[in-house]
């Protein structure tokens, strides 16, 4: 490979490493080396360069991204699209019937939906989101199940194998999921770890919204 080609390959690989770090999916040096078909020493040089450039901060066993996160924070989402979020939440709440068993994903819109559901009872609500949990925890007529796991700070929710295992043992009448966007496929887009949780929810639910 020419020197220009090597530089282009390095730039692309480093961008992918930053992307993985920003979504919380950055793995070990050895796994990254296997993913990009390069040596572990090459990955270490990439991490060192990205750290020197101020794009990563090295941590024990990995690194975190210092670039602005590609996913906006929960507070920013609520500020940017409050009216639209409320309209979606009201519509979704109207689909729920007393006595149903529903699951709410983490995120701002599902948190708003939880507030709308406070007057729908009796109801059983399982949630991976702290926002929904806070909205419903004091409503006696609603049985709330908090699904633990690995906290994902951006969405204020839980993801990972523990969350998936809990969901796999449950069934729901309705599931309300968030997404980061849609594609022409059309498939919902979700960060790496959260996508695994959403897949289990879809498999366990009669109606997905």
C-alpha atoms as a PDB file:
ATOM      1  CA  UNK A   1       0.000   0.000   0.000  1.00  0.00           C
ATOM      2  CA  UNK A   2       1.257   3.510  -0.823  1.00  0.00           C
ATOM      3  CA  UNK A   3       2.031   6.011   1.930  1.00  0.00           C
ATOM      4  CA  UNK A   4      -1.063   8.035   0.915  1.00  0.00           C
ATOM      5  CA  UNK A   5      -3.214   4.926   1.137  1.00  0.00           C
ATOM      6  CA  UNK A   6      -1.791   4.080   4.547  1.00  0.00           C
ATOM      7  CA  UNK A   7      -2.539   7.586   5.824  1.00  0.00           C
ATOM      8  CA  UNK A   8      -6.107   7.392   4.519  1.00  0.00           C
ATOM      9  CA  UNK A   9      -6.553   3.981   6.129  1.00  0.00           C
ATOM     10  CA  UNK A  10      -5.236   5.292   9.434  1.00  0.00           C
ATOM     11  CA  UNK A  11      -7.569   8.296   9.331  1.00  0.00           C
ATOM     12  CA  UNK A  12     -10.586   6.100   8.617  1.00  0.00           C
ATOM     13  CA  UNK A  13      -9.668   3.619  11.341  1.00  0.00           C
ATOM     14  CA  UNK A  14      -9.149   6.364  13.912  1.00  0.00           C
ATOM     15  CA  UNK A  15     -12.493   7.923  13.064  1.00  0.00           C
ATOM     16  CA  UNK A  16     -14.119   4.541  13.638  1.00  0.00           C
ATOM     17  CA  UNK A  17     -12.320   4.176  16.968  1.00  0.00           C
ATOM     18  CA  UNK A  18     -13.611   7.590  18.091  1.00  0.00           C
ATOM     19  CA  UNK A  19     -17.112   6.617  16.968  1.00  0.00           C
ATOM     20  CA  UNK A  20     -16.963   3.411  19.001  1.00  0.00           C
ATOM     21  CA  UNK A  21     -15.661   5.296  22.035  1.00  0.00           C
ATOM     22  CA  UNK A  22     -18.416   7.914  21.782  1.00  0.00           C
ATOM     23  CA  UNK A  23     -21.148   5.259  21.819  1.00  0.00           C
ATOM     24  CA  UNK A  24     -19.635   3.329  24.700  1.00  0.00           C
ATOM     25  CA  UNK A  25     -18.823   0.348  22.462  1.00  0.00           C
ATOM     26  CA  UNK A  26     -15.026   0.637  22.536  1.00  0.00           C
ATOM     27  CA  UNK A  27     -13.514  -2.756  23.315  1.00  0.00           C
ATOM     28  CA  UNK A  28     -10.019  -3.950  24.187  1.00  0.00           C
ATOM     29  CA  UNK A  29      -6.910  -3.304  22.108  1.00  0.00           C
ATOM     30  CA  UNK A  30      -6.875  -6.931  21.011  1.00  0.00           C
ATOM     31  CA  UNK A  31     -10.517  -6.869  19.902  1.00  0.00           C
ATOM     32  CA  UNK A  32      -9.993  -3.610  18.015  1.00  0.00           C
ATOM     33  CA  UNK A  33      -6.965  -5.111  16.293  1.00  0.00           C
ATOM     34  CA  UNK A  34      -9.069  -8.068  15.178  1.00  0.00           C
ATOM     35  CA  UNK A  35     -11.928  -5.787  14.094  1.00  0.00           C
ATOM     36  CA  UNK A  36      -9.700  -3.681  11.830  1.00  0.00           C
ATOM     37  CA  UNK A  37      -7.321  -6.495  10.829  1.00  0.00           C
ATOM     38  CA  UNK A  38      -4.227  -4.709  12.131  1.00  0.00           C
ATOM     39  CA  UNK A  39      -1.723  -5.421  14.879  1.00  0.00           C
ATOM     40  CA  UNK A  40      -2.229  -4.503  18.521  1.00  0.00           C
ATOM     41  CA  UNK A  41       0.741  -2.131  18.282  1.00  0.00           C
ATOM     42  CA  UNK A  42      -1.015  -0.294  15.429  1.00  0.00           C
ATOM     43  CA  UNK A  43      -4.110   0.161  17.587  1.00  0.00           C
ATOM     44  CA  UNK A  44      -1.967   1.415  20.469  1.00  0.00           C
ATOM     45  CA  UNK A  45      -0.394   3.986  18.138  1.00  0.00           C
ATOM     46  CA  UNK A  46      -3.882   5.025  17.009  1.00  0.00           C
ATOM     47  CA  UNK A  47      -5.016   5.469  20.615  1.00  0.00           C
ATOM     48  CA  UNK A  48      -1.864   7.404  21.473  1.00  0.00           C
ATOM     49  CA  UNK A  49      -2.354   9.724  18.497  1.00  0.00           C
ATOM     50  CA  UNK A  50      -6.046  10.272  19.260  1.00  0.00           C
ATOM     51  CA  UNK A  51      -5.140  11.048  22.868  1.00  0.00           C
ATOM     52  CA  UNK A  52      -2.453  13.511  21.726  1.00  0.00           C
ATOM     53  CA  UNK A  53      -5.009  15.128  19.398  1.00  0.00           C
ATOM     54  CA  UNK A  54      -7.381  15.602  22.322  1.00  0.00           C
ATOM     55  CA  UNK A  55     -10.034  13.317  20.889  1.00  0.00           C
ATOM     56  CA  UNK A  56      -9.736  10.487  23.416  1.00  0.00           C
ATOM     57  CA  UNK A  57      -8.856  10.192  27.074  1.00  0.00           C
ATOM     58  CA  UNK A  58      -7.144   6.943  27.994  1.00  0.00           C
ATOM     59  CA  UNK A  59      -8.671   5.009  30.870  1.00  0.00           C
ATOM     60  CA  UNK A  60      -7.742   1.754  32.541  1.00  0.00           C
ATOM     61  CA  UNK A  61      -8.511  -0.891  29.940  1.00  0.00           C
ATOM     62  CA  UNK A  62      -9.819   1.486  27.283  1.00  0.00           C
ATOM     63  CA  UNK A  63     -10.587   5.075  26.336  1.00  0.00           C
ATOM     64  CA  UNK A  64     -13.444   7.557  26.282  1.00  0.00           C
ATOM     65  CA  UNK A  65     -14.280  10.111  23.615  1.00  0.00           C
ATOM     66  CA  UNK A  66     -13.701  13.799  24.313  1.00  0.00           C
ATOM     67  CA  UNK A  67     -15.486  14.970  21.171  1.00  0.00           C
ATOM     68  CA  UNK A  68     -19.094  16.085  21.611  1.00  0.00           C
ATOM     69  CA  UNK A  69     -21.258  12.990  21.830  1.00  0.00           C
ATOM     70  CA  UNK A  70     -23.137  12.300  18.564  1.00  0.00           C
ATOM     71  CA  UNK A  71     -26.242  11.577  20.600  1.00  0.00           C
ATOM     72  CA  UNK A  72     -27.681  14.655  22.311  1.00  0.00           C
ATOM     73  CA  UNK A  73     -28.261  14.528  26.051  1.00  0.00           C
ATOM     74  CA  UNK A  74     -31.718  13.971  27.486  1.00  0.00           C
ATOM     75  CA  UNK A  75     -31.968  17.560  28.726  1.00  0.00           C
ATOM     76  CA  UNK A  76     -31.018  18.923  25.281  1.00  0.00           C
ATOM     77  CA  UNK A  77     -33.625  16.753  23.579  1.00  0.00           C
ATOM     78  CA  UNK A  78     -36.386  17.977  25.849  1.00  0.00           C
ATOM     79  CA  UNK A  79     -35.430  21.588  25.218  1.00  0.00           C
ATOM     80  CA  UNK A  80     -35.148  21.204  21.456  1.00  0.00           C
ATOM     81  CA  UNK A  81     -38.410  19.376  20.713  1.00  0.00           C
ATOM     82  CA  UNK A  82     -40.669  19.670  23.743  1.00  0.00           C
ATOM     83  CA  UNK A  83     -43.951  20.290  21.887  1.00  0.00           C
ATOM     84  CA  UNK A  84     -43.409  17.446  19.430  1.00  0.00           C
ATOM     85  CA  UNK A  85     -42.408  15.102  22.232  1.00  0.00           C
ATOM     86  CA  UNK A  86     -45.539  15.924  24.224  1.00  0.00           C
ATOM     87  CA  UNK A  87     -47.760  15.304  21.205  1.00  0.00           C
ATOM     88  CA  UNK A  88     -46.179  11.906  20.598  1.00  0.00           C
ATOM     89  CA  UNK A  89     -46.501  11.022  24.285  1.00  0.00           C
ATOM     90  CA  UNK A  90     -50.201  11.932  24.397  1.00  0.00           C
ATOM     91  CA  UNK A  91     -50.931   9.884  21.278  1.00  0.00           C
ATOM     92  CA  UNK A  92     -49.029   6.882  22.614  1.00  0.00           C
ATOM     93  CA  UNK A  93     -50.737   7.053  26.013  1.00  0.00           C
ATOM     94  CA  UNK A  94     -54.131   6.964  24.294  1.00  0.00           C
ATOM     95  CA  UNK A  95     -53.258   3.538  22.862  1.00  0.00           C
ATOM     96  CA  UNK A  96     -52.788   1.995  26.327  1.00  0.00           C
ATOM     97  CA  UNK A  97     -55.729   0.354  28.094  1.00  0.00           C
ATOM     98  CA  UNK A  98     -56.128  -0.198  31.852  1.00  0.00           C
ATOM     99  CA  UNK A  99     -54.886  -3.602  32.927  1.00  0.00           C
ATOM    100  CA  UNK A 100     -52.240  -3.886  30.226  1.00  0.00           C
ATOM    101  CA  UNK A 101     -48.619  -4.845  30.727  1.00  0.00           C
ATOM    102  CA  UNK A 102     -46.332  -2.404  28.900  1.00  0.00           C
ATOM    103  CA  UNK A 103     -42.610  -1.770  28.618  1.00  0.00           C
ATOM    104  CA  UNK A 104     -40.998   1.635  28.150  1.00  0.00           C
ATOM    105  CA  UNK A 105     -37.575   2.195  26.657  1.00  0.00           C
ATOM    106  CA  UNK A 106     -35.205   4.816  28.067  1.00  0.00           C
ATOM    107  CA  UNK A 107     -35.246   8.342  26.662  1.00  0.00           C
ATOM    108  CA  UNK A 108     -37.007  11.683  26.750  1.00  0.00           C
ATOM    109  CA  UNK A 109     -40.138  10.764  24.781  1.00  0.00           C
ATOM    110  CA  UNK A 110     -40.798   7.595  26.751  1.00  0.00           C
ATOM    111  CA  UNK A 111     -40.247   9.629  29.914  1.00  0.00           C
ATOM    112  CA  UNK A 112     -42.949  12.041  28.756  1.00  0.00           C
ATOM    113  CA  UNK A 113     -45.167   9.050  27.960  1.00  0.00           C
ATOM    114  CA  UNK A 114     -44.715   7.784  31.516  1.00  0.00           C
ATOM    115  CA  UNK A 115     -46.071  11.088  32.834  1.00  0.00           C
ATOM    116  CA  UNK A 116     -49.111  10.729  30.581  1.00  0.00           C
ATOM    117  CA  UNK A 117     -49.696   7.186  31.882  1.00  0.00           C
ATOM    118  CA  UNK A 118     -49.991   8.262  35.528  1.00  0.00           C
ATOM    119  CA  UNK A 119     -53.787   8.414  35.203  1.00  0.00           C
ATOM    120  CA  UNK A 120     -54.118   5.082  33.375  1.00  0.00           C
ATOM    121  CA  UNK A 121     -54.649   2.417  36.008  1.00  0.00           C
ATOM    122  CA  UNK A 122     -54.404  -0.333  36.910  1.00  0.00           C
ATOM    123  CA  UNK A 123     -51.283  -0.859  34.828  1.00  0.00           C
ATOM    124  CA  UNK A 124     -48.025  -2.786  34.922  1.00  0.00           C
ATOM    125  CA  UNK A 125     -45.042  -0.907  33.510  1.00  0.00           C
ATOM    126  CA  UNK A 126     -41.545  -2.313  33.063  1.00  0.00           C
ATOM    127  CA  UNK A 127     -38.911   0.214  32.088  1.00  0.00           C
ATOM    128  CA  UNK A 128     -35.235   0.443  31.282  1.00  0.00           C
ATOM    129  CA  UNK A 129     -35.324   4.217  31.807  1.00  0.00           C
ATOM    130  CA  UNK A 130     -34.734   6.240  34.967  1.00  0.00           C
ATOM    131  CA  UNK A 131     -36.933   9.073  33.663  1.00  0.00           C
ATOM    132  CA  UNK A 132     -39.957   6.789  33.331  1.00  0.00           C
ATOM    133  CA  UNK A 133     -39.227   5.212  36.709  1.00  0.00           C
ATOM    134  CA  UNK A 134     -39.184   8.605  38.414  1.00  0.00           C
ATOM    135  CA  UNK A 135     -42.446   9.586  36.716  1.00  0.00           C
ATOM    136  CA  UNK A 136     -44.347   6.496  37.892  1.00  0.00           C
ATOM    137  CA  UNK A 137     -42.720   5.396  41.151  1.00  0.00           C
ATOM    138  CA  UNK A 138     -45.234   7.192  43.408  1.00  0.00           C
ATOM    139  CA  UNK A 139     -48.418   6.027  41.613  1.00  0.00           C
ATOM    140  CA  UNK A 140     -49.911   3.273  43.793  1.00  0.00           C
ATOM    141  CA  UNK A 141     -52.211   1.875  41.096  1.00  0.00           C
ATOM    142  CA  UNK A 142     -49.319   1.300  38.677  1.00  0.00           C
ATOM    143  CA  UNK A 143     -47.014  -1.650  39.300  1.00  0.00           C
ATOM    144  CA  UNK A 144     -43.557  -0.522  38.190  1.00  0.00           C
ATOM    145  CA  UNK A 145     -40.730  -2.925  37.375  1.00  0.00           C
ATOM    146  CA  UNK A 146     -37.265  -1.394  37.036  1.00  0.00           C
ATOM    147  CA  UNK A 147     -34.972  -3.377  34.733  1.00  0.00           C
ATOM    148  CA  UNK A 148     -31.392  -2.932  35.873  1.00  0.00           C
ATOM    149  CA  UNK A 149     -28.160  -3.426  33.992  1.00  0.00           C
ATOM    150  CA  UNK A 150     -25.351  -1.184  32.838  1.00  0.00           C
ATOM    151  CA  UNK A 151     -26.282   2.527  33.092  1.00  0.00           C
ATOM    152  CA  UNK A 152     -26.081   4.522  29.886  1.00  0.00           C
ATOM    153  CA  UNK A 153     -25.686   8.106  31.021  1.00  0.00           C
ATOM    154  CA  UNK A 154     -26.820   9.865  27.845  1.00  0.00           C
ATOM    155  CA  UNK A 155     -30.285   8.270  27.773  1.00  0.00           C
ATOM    156  CA  UNK A 156     -30.419   7.704  31.558  1.00  0.00           C
ATOM    157  CA  UNK A 157     -31.323   4.074  31.012  1.00  0.00           C
ATOM    158  CA  UNK A 158     -30.015   0.565  31.473  1.00  0.00           C
ATOM    159  CA  UNK A 159     -28.548  -1.656  28.757  1.00  0.00           C
ATOM    160  CA  UNK A 160     -26.493  -4.813  28.462  1.00  0.00           C
ATOM    161  CA  UNK A 161     -26.786  -8.551  29.140  1.00  0.00           C
ATOM    162  CA  UNK A 162     -28.470  -8.210  32.559  1.00  0.00           C
ATOM    163  CA  UNK A 163     -31.208  -6.010  31.098  1.00  0.00           C
ATOM    164  CA  UNK A 164     -31.698  -8.362  28.162  1.00  0.00           C
ATOM    165  CA  UNK A 165     -31.887 -11.418  30.437  1.00  0.00           C
ATOM    166  CA  UNK A 166     -34.606  -9.790  32.560  1.00  0.00           C
ATOM    167  CA  UNK A 167     -36.616  -8.794  29.494  1.00  0.00           C
ATOM    168  CA  UNK A 168     -36.268 -12.245  27.968  1.00  0.00           C
ATOM    169  CA  UNK A 169     -38.317 -13.711  30.828  1.00  0.00           C
ATOM    170  CA  UNK A 170     -41.187 -11.242  30.402  1.00  0.00           C
ATOM    171  CA  UNK A 171     -44.026 -10.638  27.954  1.00  0.00           C
ATOM    172  CA  UNK A 172     -45.835  -7.373  27.238  1.00  0.00           C
ATOM    173  CA  UNK A 173     -49.033  -6.176  25.601  1.00  0.00           C
ATOM    174  CA  UNK A 174     -47.290  -3.092  24.241  1.00  0.00           C
ATOM    175  CA  UNK A 175     -43.730  -1.860  23.867  1.00  0.00           C
ATOM    176  CA  UNK A 176     -42.741   1.769  23.409  1.00  0.00           C
ATOM    177  CA  UNK A 177     -39.244   2.164  22.006  1.00  0.00           C
ATOM    178  CA  UNK A 178     -37.096   5.158  21.200  1.00  0.00           C
ATOM    179  CA  UNK A 179     -34.837   5.472  18.154  1.00  0.00           C
ATOM    180  CA  UNK A 180     -31.979   7.716  17.070  1.00  0.00           C
ATOM    181  CA  UNK A 181     -33.288   7.934  13.508  1.00  0.00           C
ATOM    182  CA  UNK A 182     -34.627   5.858  10.652  1.00  0.00           C
ATOM    183  CA  UNK A 183     -33.133   4.578   7.452  1.00  0.00           C
ATOM    184  CA  UNK A 184     -34.638   3.926   4.056  1.00  0.00           C
ATOM    185  CA  UNK A 185     -34.757   0.196   4.888  1.00  0.00           C
ATOM    186  CA  UNK A 186     -36.679   1.170   7.128  1.00  0.00           C
ATOM    187  CA  UNK A 187     -34.928   0.095  10.372  1.00  0.00           C
ATOM    188  CA  UNK A 188     -34.689   1.977  13.631  1.00  0.00           C
ATOM    189  CA  UNK A 189     -31.225   3.146  14.572  1.00  0.00           C
ATOM    190  CA  UNK A 190     -29.961   2.604  18.112  1.00  0.00           C
ATOM    191  CA  UNK A 191     -26.520   2.626  19.705  1.00  0.00           C
ATOM    192  CA  UNK A 192     -24.763  -0.732  19.935  1.00  0.00           C
ATOM    193  CA  UNK A 193     -25.667  -1.831  23.475  1.00  0.00           C
ATOM    194  CA  UNK A 194     -29.171  -0.339  23.454  1.00  0.00           C
ATOM    195  CA  UNK A 195     -29.984  -2.145  20.206  1.00  0.00           C
ATOM    196  CA  UNK A 196     -29.661  -5.511  21.943  1.00  0.00           C
ATOM    197  CA  UNK A 197     -32.223  -4.480  24.561  1.00  0.00           C
ATOM    198  CA  UNK A 198     -34.638  -3.223  21.898  1.00  0.00           C
ATOM    199  CA  UNK A 199     -34.402  -6.517  20.008  1.00  0.00           C
ATOM    200  CA  UNK A 200     -35.434  -8.496  23.088  1.00  0.00           C
ATOM    201  CA  UNK A 201     -38.299  -6.068  23.768  1.00  0.00           C
ATOM    202  CA  UNK A 202     -39.623  -6.458  20.225  1.00  0.00           C
ATOM    203  CA  UNK A 203     -39.554 -10.241  20.537  1.00  0.00           C
ATOM    204  CA  UNK A 204     -41.465 -10.116  23.849  1.00  0.00           C
ATOM    205  CA  UNK A 205     -44.239  -7.700  22.870  1.00  0.00           C
ATOM    206  CA  UNK A 206     -47.545  -7.981  21.087  1.00  0.00           C
ATOM    207  CA  UNK A 207     -47.663  -4.349  19.920  1.00  0.00           C
ATOM    208  CA  UNK A 208     -44.586  -2.193  19.287  1.00  0.00           C
ATOM    209  CA  UNK A 209     -44.777   1.599  19.086  1.00  0.00           C
END
